[in-house]
C-alpha atoms as a PDB file:
ATOM      1  CA  MET A   1       8.476   6.153  21.211  1.00  0.00           C
ATOM      2  CA  ALA A   2      10.639   6.883  18.195  1.00  0.00           C
ATOM      3  CA  ASP A   3       9.682   9.769  15.978  1.00  0.00           C
ATOM      4  CA  THR A   4       8.852   7.826  12.832  1.00  0.00           C
ATOM      5  CA  LYS A   5       7.089   9.348   9.879  1.00  0.00           C
ATOM      6  CA  ARG A   6       3.788   7.773   9.037  1.00  0.00           C
ATOM      7  CA  LYS A   7       3.318   6.598   5.460  1.00  0.00           C
ATOM      8  CA  VAL A   8       0.167   6.518   3.376  1.00  0.00           C
ATOM      9  CA  ILE A   9      -1.036   4.893   0.169  1.00  0.00           C
ATOM     10  CA  ASP A  10      -4.364   5.709  -1.464  1.00  0.00           C
ATOM     11  CA  CYS A  11      -5.946   3.307  -3.964  1.00  0.00           C
ATOM     12  CA  ARG A  12      -7.946   6.172  -5.480  1.00  0.00           C
ATOM     13  CA  LEU A  13      -4.723   7.434  -7.082  1.00  0.00           C
ATOM     14  CA  TYR A  14      -4.227   4.179  -9.008  1.00  0.00           C
ATOM     15  CA  PRO A  15      -7.004   3.141 -11.422  1.00  0.00           C
ATOM     16  CA  SER A  16      -8.526  -0.276 -10.855  1.00  0.00           C
ATOM     17  CA  VAL A  17     -11.443  -2.277 -12.173  1.00  0.00           C
ATOM     18  CA  ASN A  18     -13.300  -2.100  -8.865  1.00  0.00           C
ATOM     19  CA  ASN A  19     -12.724   1.659  -8.299  1.00  0.00           C
ATOM     20  CA  CYS A  20     -11.199   0.984  -4.893  1.00  0.00           C
ATOM     21  CA  SER A  21     -11.269   3.887  -2.436  1.00  0.00           C
ATOM     22  CA  LEU A  22      -9.121   2.402   0.349  1.00  0.00           C
ATOM     23  CA  THR A  23      -6.463   4.541   2.042  1.00  0.00           C
ATOM     24  CA  ILE A  24      -3.929   2.903   4.350  1.00  0.00           C
ATOM     25  CA  CYS A  25      -1.690   4.819   6.761  1.00  0.00           C
ATOM     26  CA  GLY A  26       0.729   3.908   9.534  1.00  0.00           C
ATOM     27  CA  SER A  27       4.395   2.993   9.842  1.00  0.00           C
ATOM     28  CA  GLU A  28       6.115   2.058   6.580  1.00  0.00           C
ATOM     29  CA  GLU A  29       6.194  -1.645   7.426  1.00  0.00           C
ATOM     30  CA  GLU A  30       2.551  -1.680   8.587  1.00  0.00           C
ATOM     31  CA  VAL A  31       1.348   0.036   5.430  1.00  0.00           C
ATOM     32  CA  LEU A  32       3.490  -2.134   3.200  1.00  0.00           C
ATOM     33  CA  ARG A  33       2.266  -5.366   4.835  1.00  0.00           C
ATOM     34  CA  VAL A  34      -1.411  -4.388   4.593  1.00  0.00           C
ATOM     35  CA  ALA A  35      -1.110  -2.864   1.112  1.00  0.00           C
ATOM     36  CA  VAL A  36       0.509  -6.012  -0.307  1.00  0.00           C
ATOM     37  CA  ARG A  37      -2.176  -8.191   1.263  1.00  0.00           C
ATOM     38  CA  HIS A  38      -4.867  -5.857  -0.112  1.00  0.00           C
ATOM     39  CA  ALA A  39      -3.326  -5.876  -3.612  1.00  0.00           C
ATOM     40  CA  VAL A  40      -3.310  -9.681  -3.628  1.00  0.00           C
ATOM     41  CA  GLU A  41      -6.722 -10.317  -2.060  1.00  0.00           C
ATOM     42  CA  GLU A  42      -8.729  -7.488  -3.601  1.00  0.00           C
ATOM     43  CA  HIS A  43      -6.943  -6.704  -6.864  1.00  0.00           C
ATOM     44  CA  GLY A  44      -5.674 -10.154  -7.870  1.00  0.00           C
ATOM     45  CA  HIS A  45      -1.944  -9.351  -7.933  1.00  0.00           C
ATOM     46  CA  GLN A  46       0.657 -12.010  -7.218  1.00  0.00           C
ATOM     47  CA  ALA A  47       2.542 -11.689  -3.921  1.00  0.00           C
ATOM     48  CA  THR A  48       6.061 -11.206  -5.258  1.00  0.00           C
ATOM     49  CA  PRO A  49       9.112  -9.265  -4.103  1.00  0.00           C
ATOM     50  CA  GLU A  50       8.564  -7.042  -7.147  1.00  0.00           C
ATOM     51  CA  LEU A  51       5.024  -6.178  -6.028  1.00  0.00           C
ATOM     52  CA  ARG A  52       6.323  -5.350  -2.552  1.00  0.00           C
ATOM     53  CA  GLU A  53       8.982  -3.022  -3.971  1.00  0.00           C
ATOM     54  CA  GLN A  54       6.530  -1.418  -6.392  1.00  0.00           C
ATOM     55  CA  ILE A  55       4.141  -0.672  -3.541  1.00  0.00           C
ATOM     56  CA  ARG A  56       7.016   0.597  -1.363  1.00  0.00           C
ATOM     57  CA  SER A  57       7.910   3.080  -4.127  1.00  0.00           C
ATOM     58  CA  LEU A  58       4.330   4.424  -4.099  1.00  0.00           C
ATOM     59  CA  LEU A  59       4.225   5.214  -0.365  1.00  0.00           C
ATOM     60  CA  LYS A  60       4.011   8.893   0.554  1.00  0.00           C
ATOM     61  CA  ASP A  61       4.669  10.710   3.800  1.00  0.00           C
ATOM     62  CA  GLU A  62       1.419  11.403   5.621  1.00  0.00           C
END
């Protein structure tokens, strides 16, 4: 298994109307895929390449 750094994104760090407390961690692509889906389904964002890149820029090393 390759030594890949896990990434994390935490909704608590980004204010939202529903005070979301979700944290997602895993490989960069796993987190990005789930975080985009979450942003669209739970926060009403549009699934765009810009959203994907914005979320990618917010990922942190675990």
